[in-house]
N, C-alpha and C. Protein backbone atom coordinates (compact mmCIF):
# COMPACT_ATOMS: atom_id res chain seq x y z
N MET A 1 33.25 56.87 72.41
CA MET A 1 32.49 57.38 73.71
C MET A 1 30.76 57.50 73.59
N LYS A 2 30.25 56.77 74.62
CA LYS A 2 29.03 56.99 74.48
C LYS A 2 28.23 58.01 74.90
N LYS A 3 26.90 58.10 74.35
CA LYS A 3 26.22 59.57 74.34
C LYS A 3 25.44 59.72 75.46
N ALA A 4 25.10 60.42 76.47
CA ALA A 4 24.10 60.47 77.84
C ALA A 4 22.90 59.68 77.11
N GLY A 5 22.11 60.21 76.24
CA GLY A 5 21.38 59.40 75.55
C GLY A 5 21.10 57.96 75.83
N GLU A 6 22.21 57.29 75.47
CA GLU A 6 22.50 56.12 75.25
C GLU A 6 22.62 55.48 76.73
N LEU A 7 23.39 56.37 77.62
CA LEU A 7 23.48 56.18 78.89
C LEU A 7 22.23 55.92 79.46
N LEU A 8 21.03 56.75 79.25
CA LEU A 8 19.80 57.14 80.33
C LEU A 8 19.46 55.58 79.84
N SER A 9 19.11 55.58 78.72
CA SER A 9 17.97 54.35 78.26
C SER A 9 18.44 53.21 78.55
N VAL A 10 19.60 52.44 79.01
CA VAL A 10 20.15 52.04 79.83
C VAL A 10 19.51 51.58 81.41
N ILE A 11 19.58 52.81 82.02
CA ILE A 11 19.42 53.04 83.14
C ILE A 11 17.71 52.93 83.28
N ILE A 12 17.72 54.09 82.65
CA ILE A 12 15.88 54.03 82.78
C ILE A 12 14.83 53.61 81.63
N ASP A 13 14.08 53.00 81.72
CA ASP A 13 13.30 52.53 80.62
C ASP A 13 12.74 53.36 79.66
N GLU A 14 12.43 53.15 78.34
CA GLU A 14 12.40 53.99 77.60
C GLU A 14 11.00 55.23 77.77
N ASP A 15 10.09 54.50 78.52
CA ASP A 15 8.90 55.07 78.28
C ASP A 15 9.11 56.42 79.28
N ILE A 16 10.02 55.75 80.73
CA ILE A 16 10.28 56.93 81.59
C ILE A 16 11.15 58.21 80.80
N LEU A 17 12.26 57.54 79.98
CA LEU A 17 12.83 58.23 79.27
C LEU A 17 12.41 59.26 78.61
N HIS A 18 11.20 58.89 77.73
CA HIS A 18 10.56 59.73 77.19
C HIS A 18 9.47 60.96 77.83
N GLN A 19 8.97 60.02 78.91
CA GLN A 19 8.21 61.22 79.61
C GLN A 19 9.13 62.28 80.23
N ALA A 20 10.44 62.23 80.27
CA ALA A 20 11.81 63.05 81.07
C ALA A 20 12.19 64.18 80.31
N GLN A 21 11.83 63.57 78.83
CA GLN A 21 12.48 64.31 77.93
C GLN A 21 11.16 65.34 77.69
N GLY A 22 10.15 65.00 77.75
CA GLY A 22 8.84 65.79 77.62
C GLY A 22 8.68 66.70 78.66
N TYR A 23 9.00 66.56 80.29
CA TYR A 23 9.13 67.36 81.26
C TYR A 23 10.42 68.48 80.74
N SER A 24 11.52 68.07 80.29
CA SER A 24 12.93 68.76 79.92
C SER A 24 11.95 69.99 78.75
N LYS A 25 11.58 68.90 77.83
CA LYS A 25 11.01 70.20 76.87
C LYS A 25 10.09 71.24 77.31
N LEU A 26 9.03 70.80 78.34
CA LEU A 26 8.49 71.66 78.92
C LEU A 26 9.19 72.83 79.48
N VAL A 27 9.80 72.58 80.41
CA VAL A 27 10.78 73.46 81.35
C VAL A 27 11.27 74.56 80.14
N TYR A 28 12.08 74.09 79.10
CA TYR A 28 12.71 75.14 78.67
C TYR A 28 11.75 75.88 77.33
N SER A 29 10.32 75.40 77.31
CA SER A 29 9.59 76.20 76.74
C SER A 29 9.23 77.54 77.31
N TRP A 30 9.38 77.39 78.50
CA TRP A 30 8.49 78.28 79.66
C TRP A 30 8.46 79.84 79.06
N ALA A 31 9.95 80.51 79.06
CA ALA A 31 10.36 81.61 78.39
C ALA A 31 9.71 81.84 76.75
N ARG A 32 9.60 80.86 76.02
CA ARG A 32 8.87 81.43 74.82
C ARG A 32 7.23 81.50 74.83
N ILE A 33 6.59 80.50 75.63
CA ILE A 33 5.28 80.45 75.85
C ILE A 33 5.04 81.88 76.68
N THR A 34 5.70 82.49 77.67
CA THR A 34 5.26 83.66 78.01
C THR A 34 5.38 84.93 77.12
N GLN A 35 6.41 84.45 76.27
CA GLN A 35 6.80 85.91 75.29
C GLN A 35 5.24 85.89 74.26
N LYS A 36 5.16 84.71 73.71
CA LYS A 36 3.57 84.49 73.00
C LYS A 36 2.53 85.34 73.40
N HIS A 37 2.28 84.99 75.24
CA HIS A 37 1.56 85.67 75.50
C HIS A 37 1.69 87.09 76.11
N GLY A 38 3.06 88.05 75.48
CA GLY A 38 2.95 89.28 76.03
C GLY A 38 3.27 89.26 77.18
N ILE A 39 4.01 88.25 77.99
CA ILE A 39 4.30 88.50 79.56
C ILE A 39 5.83 88.02 79.29
N SER A 40 7.02 88.34 78.67
CA SER A 40 8.00 88.00 78.19
C SER A 40 9.12 87.83 79.45
N ALA A 41 8.50 89.02 80.42
CA ALA A 41 9.53 89.67 81.43
C ALA A 41 9.12 88.83 82.96
N ALA A 42 8.28 87.71 82.61
CA ALA A 42 7.36 86.80 83.74
C ALA A 42 8.90 85.73 83.37
N ALA A 43 9.42 85.52 82.46
CA ALA A 43 10.45 84.23 82.53
C ALA A 43 11.52 84.11 83.21
N ASP A 44 11.79 85.88 83.59
CA ASP A 44 12.82 86.08 84.40
C ASP A 44 12.53 85.75 85.88
N HIS A 45 11.52 85.82 86.11
CA HIS A 45 11.20 86.10 87.34
C HIS A 45 10.20 84.64 88.10
N SER A 46 9.88 83.82 87.16
CA SER A 46 9.13 82.73 87.31
C SER A 46 9.78 81.40 86.78
N ARG A 47 9.89 79.84 86.98
CA ARG A 47 10.21 78.85 86.24
C ARG A 47 9.08 77.80 86.98
N ILE A 48 8.91 76.71 85.88
CA ILE A 48 8.37 75.68 86.10
C ILE A 48 8.81 74.68 87.01
N ARG A 49 8.87 74.44 88.18
CA ARG A 49 8.96 73.61 89.17
C ARG A 49 8.65 72.35 89.37
N ASP A 50 7.21 72.14 89.07
CA ASP A 50 6.94 70.35 89.45
C ASP A 50 6.01 70.33 88.47
N LEU A 51 5.43 69.03 87.91
CA LEU A 51 4.09 68.60 87.44
C LEU A 51 3.28 67.56 88.17
N GLU A 52 2.71 67.43 89.11
CA GLU A 52 2.06 66.86 89.93
C GLU A 52 0.96 66.79 89.88
N ARG A 53 0.62 65.51 89.64
CA ARG A 53 -1.56 65.03 89.43
C ARG A 53 -1.61 66.05 88.33
N ASN A 54 -0.88 66.49 86.81
CA ASN A 54 -1.53 66.85 85.86
C ASN A 54 -1.46 68.60 86.11
N ILE A 55 -1.01 69.13 87.51
CA ILE A 55 -1.04 70.14 88.13
C ILE A 55 0.37 71.09 88.18
N LEU A 56 0.50 72.15 86.85
CA LEU A 56 1.77 71.89 86.65
C LEU A 56 1.96 73.29 87.89
N LEU A 57 3.08 73.24 88.20
CA LEU A 57 4.02 74.17 89.70
C LEU A 57 4.84 75.16 89.44
N VAL A 58 4.16 76.05 89.20
CA VAL A 58 4.42 77.69 88.44
C VAL A 58 5.57 78.50 89.82
N GLU A 59 6.98 78.47 89.88
CA GLU A 59 7.13 79.72 91.04
C GLU A 59 7.50 80.73 90.93
N ALA A 60 7.43 81.80 90.90
CA ALA A 60 7.64 83.03 91.03
C ALA A 60 8.32 84.32 92.10
N ASP A 61 9.18 84.82 91.78
CA ASP A 61 9.63 85.52 92.98
C ASP A 61 9.40 86.70 93.68
N HIS A 62 7.93 87.11 93.55
CA HIS A 62 7.45 88.12 93.77
C HIS A 62 6.03 88.29 93.36
N PRO A 63 5.08 88.20 94.74
CA PRO A 63 3.42 87.93 94.59
C PRO A 63 3.22 88.95 92.98
N GLY A 64 3.26 90.13 92.55
CA GLY A 64 2.79 90.67 91.86
C GLY A 64 3.40 89.52 90.67
N TRP A 65 4.65 88.77 90.20
CA TRP A 65 4.58 88.39 89.19
C TRP A 65 3.44 86.81 89.02
N ILE A 66 3.23 86.65 90.32
CA ILE A 66 2.00 85.50 90.24
C ILE A 66 0.85 86.20 89.77
N GLN A 67 0.68 87.64 90.14
CA GLN A 67 -0.55 88.07 89.90
C GLN A 67 -0.75 88.02 88.31
N ILE A 68 0.60 89.04 87.92
CA ILE A 68 0.26 88.82 85.85
C ILE A 68 0.17 87.55 85.10
N LEU A 69 0.83 86.39 85.65
CA LEU A 69 0.84 85.02 85.25
C LEU A 69 -0.52 84.39 85.35
N GLN A 70 -1.30 84.96 86.56
CA GLN A 70 -2.54 84.31 86.62
C GLN A 70 -3.55 85.33 85.77
N THR A 71 -3.16 86.29 85.52
CA THR A 71 -4.22 86.86 84.30
C THR A 71 -4.17 86.29 83.35
N LYS A 72 -3.06 85.72 82.53
CA LYS A 72 -2.69 84.94 81.35
C LYS A 72 -2.71 83.61 81.60
N GLY A 73 -3.69 82.92 83.22
CA GLY A 73 -3.36 81.32 83.37
C GLY A 73 -3.73 80.55 82.49
N HIS A 74 -5.28 80.99 82.22
CA HIS A 74 -6.37 80.29 80.86
C HIS A 74 -5.04 80.46 79.80
N LYS A 75 -4.79 81.52 79.41
CA LYS A 75 -4.08 81.32 77.68
C LYS A 75 -2.55 80.26 77.72
N LEU A 76 -1.76 80.14 79.02
CA LEU A 76 -0.68 79.77 79.20
C LEU A 76 -1.24 78.43 79.58
N LEU A 77 -2.26 77.69 80.03
CA LEU A 77 -2.61 76.44 80.25
C LEU A 77 -3.22 76.10 78.93
N GLU A 78 -3.95 76.88 77.86
CA GLU A 78 -4.32 76.09 76.74
C GLU A 78 -3.13 75.83 76.19
N ASP A 79 -2.01 76.90 76.08
CA ASP A 79 -1.01 76.81 74.91
C ASP A 79 -0.11 75.26 75.23
N LEU A 80 0.12 75.39 76.82
CA LEU A 80 0.56 74.00 77.56
C LEU A 80 0.07 72.73 76.85
N GLN A 81 -1.46 72.71 77.29
CA GLN A 81 -2.04 71.78 76.84
C GLN A 81 -1.89 71.01 75.13
N CYS A 82 -1.63 72.08 74.15
CA CYS A 82 -1.52 72.14 72.91
C CYS A 82 -0.33 71.70 72.85
N GLN A 83 0.55 72.02 73.17
CA GLN A 83 2.05 71.53 72.40
C GLN A 83 2.58 70.48 73.39
N PHE A 84 1.78 70.22 74.64
CA PHE A 84 2.74 69.04 75.42
C PHE A 84 1.14 67.94 75.50
N PRO A 85 0.79 67.54 74.29
CA PRO A 85 -0.53 66.81 75.00
C PRO A 85 -0.49 65.50 75.94
N ASP A 86 1.21 64.76 75.65
CA ASP A 86 1.36 63.81 76.54
C ASP A 86 1.43 64.22 78.01
N LEU A 87 1.45 65.33 78.26
CA LEU A 87 1.89 65.80 79.63
C LEU A 87 0.55 65.51 80.27
N ALA A 88 -0.79 65.56 79.66
CA ALA A 88 -2.05 66.00 80.36
C ALA A 88 -2.09 66.47 81.39
N ILE A 89 -1.48 67.78 80.99
CA ILE A 89 -1.92 69.33 82.25
C ILE A 89 -3.23 69.58 82.18
N THR A 90 -3.97 69.38 83.53
CA THR A 90 -5.04 69.81 83.67
C THR A 90 -5.29 71.29 84.00
N GLY A 91 -4.05 72.20 84.65
CA GLY A 91 -4.10 73.13 85.17
C GLY A 91 -2.70 73.78 85.76
N ILE A 92 -2.61 75.05 86.30
CA ILE A 92 -1.25 75.77 86.46
C ILE A 92 -1.94 76.16 88.12
N SER A 93 -1.03 76.18 89.16
CA SER A 93 -0.97 76.56 90.02
C SER A 93 0.33 77.13 90.25
N PHE A 94 -0.04 78.38 91.06
CA PHE A 94 1.42 79.63 91.20
C PHE A 94 1.59 79.65 92.85
N ARG A 95 3.06 79.97 93.26
CA ARG A 95 3.36 80.00 94.59
C ARG A 95 4.59 80.33 94.66
N LEU A 96 4.77 81.57 95.87
CA LEU A 96 5.87 82.11 95.66
C LEU A 96 7.22 81.28 96.23
N SER A 97 8.40 81.88 95.02
CA SER A 97 9.54 80.78 95.65
C SER A 97 10.61 81.00 96.66
N ARG A 98 10.60 80.09 97.65
CA ARG A 98 11.78 79.95 98.67
C ARG A 98 13.31 80.40 98.07
N GLU A 99 13.55 80.50 96.92
CA GLU A 99 14.66 80.05 96.20
C GLU A 99 14.95 81.83 95.23
N PRO A 100 16.17 82.24 95.38
CA PRO A 100 15.79 83.63 94.15
C PRO A 100 16.30 82.85 92.77
N LEU A 101 15.61 83.39 91.84
CA LEU A 101 15.36 83.14 90.18
C LEU A 101 16.15 84.17 89.66
N ALA A 102 16.86 84.51 90.07
CA ALA A 102 17.88 85.89 89.33
C ALA A 102 18.56 84.90 87.86
N PRO A 103 18.61 85.43 86.65
CA PRO A 103 18.66 84.74 85.77
C PRO A 103 20.81 84.95 86.23
N GLY A 104 21.01 83.64 85.78
CA GLY A 104 22.17 83.08 85.59
C GLY A 104 22.52 82.64 87.20
N GLN A 105 21.75 82.46 87.89
CA GLN A 105 22.17 82.66 89.48
C GLN A 105 21.35 81.13 89.70
N ASP A 106 22.51 80.24 89.87
CA ASP A 106 22.26 78.97 90.60
C ASP A 106 21.78 78.80 92.09
N ALA A 107 20.63 78.08 91.77
CA ALA A 107 19.79 77.75 93.32
C ALA A 107 20.78 77.00 94.08
N PRO A 108 20.18 77.39 95.34
CA PRO A 108 20.76 76.53 96.24
C PRO A 108 20.86 75.40 96.33
N GLU A 109 21.54 74.21 96.46
CA GLU A 109 21.23 72.62 96.22
C GLU A 109 20.46 72.19 97.21
N ALA A 110 19.54 71.34 96.57
CA ALA A 110 18.96 70.79 98.00
C ALA A 110 19.35 69.72 98.66
N GLU A 111 18.89 69.75 99.80
CA GLU A 111 19.08 68.84 100.50
C GLU A 111 18.55 67.54 99.93
N ASP A 112 19.60 66.30 99.90
CA ASP A 112 19.55 64.83 99.63
C ASP A 112 18.33 64.25 100.94
N SER A 113 16.87 64.28 100.38
CA SER A 113 16.22 63.78 101.59
C SER A 113 14.83 63.01 100.51
N GLU A 114 14.35 61.84 100.96
CA GLU A 114 13.06 61.47 100.50
C GLU A 114 11.82 62.69 100.20
N ASN A 115 11.66 63.67 101.16
CA ASN A 115 10.86 64.85 101.06
C ASN A 115 11.12 65.52 99.94
N SER A 116 12.64 66.29 99.53
CA SER A 116 12.92 67.40 98.54
C SER A 116 12.33 66.79 97.50
N ILE A 117 11.82 67.95 96.67
CA ILE A 117 11.43 67.84 95.56
C ILE A 117 12.36 67.91 94.82
N PRO A 118 12.84 67.35 93.62
CA PRO A 118 13.74 67.83 92.82
C PRO A 118 13.57 68.94 91.73
N ASP A 119 14.20 70.02 91.28
CA ASP A 119 14.19 70.71 90.54
C ASP A 119 14.15 70.21 88.91
N ILE A 120 13.47 70.41 88.36
CA ILE A 120 13.47 69.66 87.30
C ILE A 120 14.01 70.71 86.54
N SER A 121 14.02 72.16 86.51
CA SER A 121 14.49 72.65 85.26
C SER A 121 15.84 72.62 85.84
N ALA A 122 16.92 71.83 86.70
CA ALA A 122 18.35 71.71 86.78
C ALA A 122 18.87 70.91 85.04
N VAL A 123 17.75 70.23 84.90
CA VAL A 123 18.19 68.99 83.70
C VAL A 123 18.05 69.78 82.11
N PRO A 124 19.35 69.34 81.60
CA PRO A 124 19.73 70.01 80.48
C PRO A 124 18.59 69.50 79.46
N PRO A 125 18.22 70.47 78.50
CA PRO A 125 17.26 69.83 77.22
C PRO A 125 18.01 68.65 76.93
N PRO A 126 17.43 67.83 76.25
CA PRO A 126 17.92 66.17 75.83
C PRO A 126 18.83 66.35 74.60
N GLU A 127 18.42 67.58 73.49
CA GLU A 127 19.51 67.86 72.39
C GLU A 127 20.89 68.41 72.98
N ASP A 128 20.85 69.17 74.20
CA ASP A 128 22.11 70.04 74.79
C ASP A 128 22.48 68.76 75.83
N LEU A 129 22.75 67.66 75.93
CA LEU A 129 22.60 67.13 77.10
C LEU A 129 24.70 66.87 76.81
N PRO A 130 25.31 66.86 77.57
CA PRO A 130 26.73 66.73 77.66
C PRO A 130 27.24 65.51 77.27
N GLU A 131 28.49 65.42 76.77
CA GLU A 131 29.12 63.94 75.87
C GLU A 131 30.01 63.41 76.86
N ASP A 132 30.21 64.38 77.99
CA ASP A 132 31.09 63.31 78.84
C ASP A 132 30.78 62.41 79.74
N VAL A 133 30.54 61.61 79.28
CA VAL A 133 30.30 60.40 79.44
C VAL A 133 31.75 59.24 79.17
N VAL A 134 31.95 58.80 80.10
CA VAL A 134 33.23 57.68 80.53
C VAL A 134 33.09 56.45 79.61
N GLU A 135 33.95 56.30 78.59
CA GLU A 135 33.50 54.82 77.76
C GLU A 135 33.75 53.65 78.61
N GLY A 136 33.02 52.88 78.51
CA GLY A 136 32.98 51.50 79.50
C GLY A 136 32.44 51.18 81.20
N LYS A 137 32.13 52.70 81.35
CA LYS A 137 31.06 52.16 82.49
C LYS A 137 29.95 52.46 82.56
N SER A 138 29.21 52.18 83.06
CA SER A 138 27.64 51.84 82.87
C SER A 138 26.74 52.69 84.58
N GLY A 139 25.87 52.90 83.82
CA GLY A 139 25.11 53.69 85.35
C GLY A 139 25.80 55.11 85.07
N TYR A 140 25.08 55.77 87.02
CA TYR A 140 25.62 56.86 86.66
C TYR A 140 27.30 57.61 87.29
N ASP A 141 27.99 56.03 87.34
CA ASP A 141 29.72 56.16 87.31
C ASP A 141 29.96 56.67 86.40
N GLY A 142 29.18 56.36 84.88
CA GLY A 142 29.75 57.04 83.82
C GLY A 142 29.42 58.48 83.25
N ILE A 143 28.70 59.14 84.65
CA ILE A 143 28.94 60.39 84.13
C ILE A 143 29.63 61.32 84.76
N THR A 144 30.67 61.89 84.51
CA THR A 144 31.60 62.51 85.37
C THR A 144 31.45 64.04 85.52
N ASP A 145 29.97 64.77 84.93
CA ASP A 145 29.79 66.02 86.02
C ASP A 145 28.78 65.63 86.72
N GLU A 146 28.97 66.11 87.95
CA GLU A 146 28.37 66.10 89.50
C GLU A 146 26.88 66.52 89.39
N LYS A 147 26.85 67.42 88.77
CA LYS A 147 25.61 68.33 88.71
C LYS A 147 24.59 67.37 87.97
N LEU A 148 24.91 66.56 86.90
CA LEU A 148 24.14 66.52 85.75
C LEU A 148 23.86 64.89 86.65
N ARG A 149 24.42 64.27 87.22
CA ARG A 149 24.52 63.27 88.12
C ARG A 149 23.25 63.32 89.14
N LYS A 150 23.70 64.22 89.60
CA LYS A 150 22.64 64.28 91.02
C LYS A 150 21.45 64.99 90.37
N SER A 151 21.11 65.74 89.28
CA SER A 151 19.69 66.20 88.64
C SER A 151 19.28 64.46 88.24
N LEU A 152 19.96 64.10 87.54
CA LEU A 152 19.42 62.48 87.02
C LEU A 152 18.71 61.65 88.04
N LYS A 153 19.67 61.54 89.05
CA LYS A 153 19.16 60.57 89.88
C LYS A 153 17.95 61.50 90.42
N SER A 154 18.07 62.21 90.71
CA SER A 154 16.55 62.72 91.78
C SER A 154 15.53 62.84 90.59
N LEU A 155 15.80 63.15 89.46
CA LEU A 155 14.62 62.64 88.62
C LEU A 155 14.40 61.28 88.45
N GLU A 156 15.38 60.63 88.21
CA GLU A 156 14.41 59.34 88.65
C GLU A 156 13.87 59.05 89.78
N LYS A 157 14.18 59.24 90.78
CA LYS A 157 13.81 58.99 92.21
C LYS A 157 12.22 59.60 91.88
N ASN A 158 12.08 61.10 91.65
CA ASN A 158 10.87 61.76 91.23
C ASN A 158 9.96 60.61 90.57
N ILE A 159 10.19 60.68 89.18
CA ILE A 159 9.46 59.87 88.42
C ILE A 159 9.10 58.67 88.79
N ALA A 160 10.22 57.58 89.48
CA ALA A 160 9.41 56.25 90.15
C ALA A 160 8.46 56.77 91.56
N ALA A 161 8.93 57.31 91.98
CA ALA A 161 7.42 58.16 93.06
C ALA A 161 6.19 57.93 92.48
N LYS A 162 6.63 59.12 91.67
CA LYS A 162 4.95 59.40 91.19
C LYS A 162 4.26 57.98 90.29
N ASN A 163 5.28 56.97 89.39
CA ASN A 163 4.72 55.55 88.97
C ASN A 163 4.39 54.98 89.98
N ARG A 164 4.81 54.94 91.11
CA ARG A 164 4.27 54.14 92.10
C ARG A 164 2.74 54.92 92.80
N GLY A 165 2.41 55.96 92.80
CA GLY A 165 1.51 56.62 93.00
C GLY A 165 0.09 56.26 91.66
N ARG A 166 0.64 55.95 90.65
CA ARG A 166 -0.14 55.84 90.07
C ARG A 166 -1.01 54.15 89.61
N THR A 167 -0.06 53.25 90.18
CA THR A 167 -0.69 51.98 90.42
C THR A 167 -1.41 51.48 91.54
């Protein structure tokens, strides 16, 4: 049985895979980073949504949480820049979420369109990727977990679009 990481390296080149793993680690470090700066409750009410043009987009479920996060914004940015230098984060932007952020509650599925922004927080961290890949198949067909397959396709499309914008 092939591991998900082996499958991804066939689908996506190593540079893109490394970049996606960096995004994933960033998303999963959010709770730890907010805790370090004395606002651990903010992690339950906010999430990293995207990284575009080196600006980290963070969504919160209430304007009050945005205000709290903004008071620590400079320290959060410094910490993120230290921990993730490869991502070249130059700023943080906060916005009110359109979706509920309650712990354990799945966000509604985004419509599959060119304009929808994939939720990179839906991608599991690299070390916890499921091993339910069917042997002998290649590409996305070998991934039996439908949610993971959709997330990977969406992530690939988003990374490819960003890479086209840089050239």
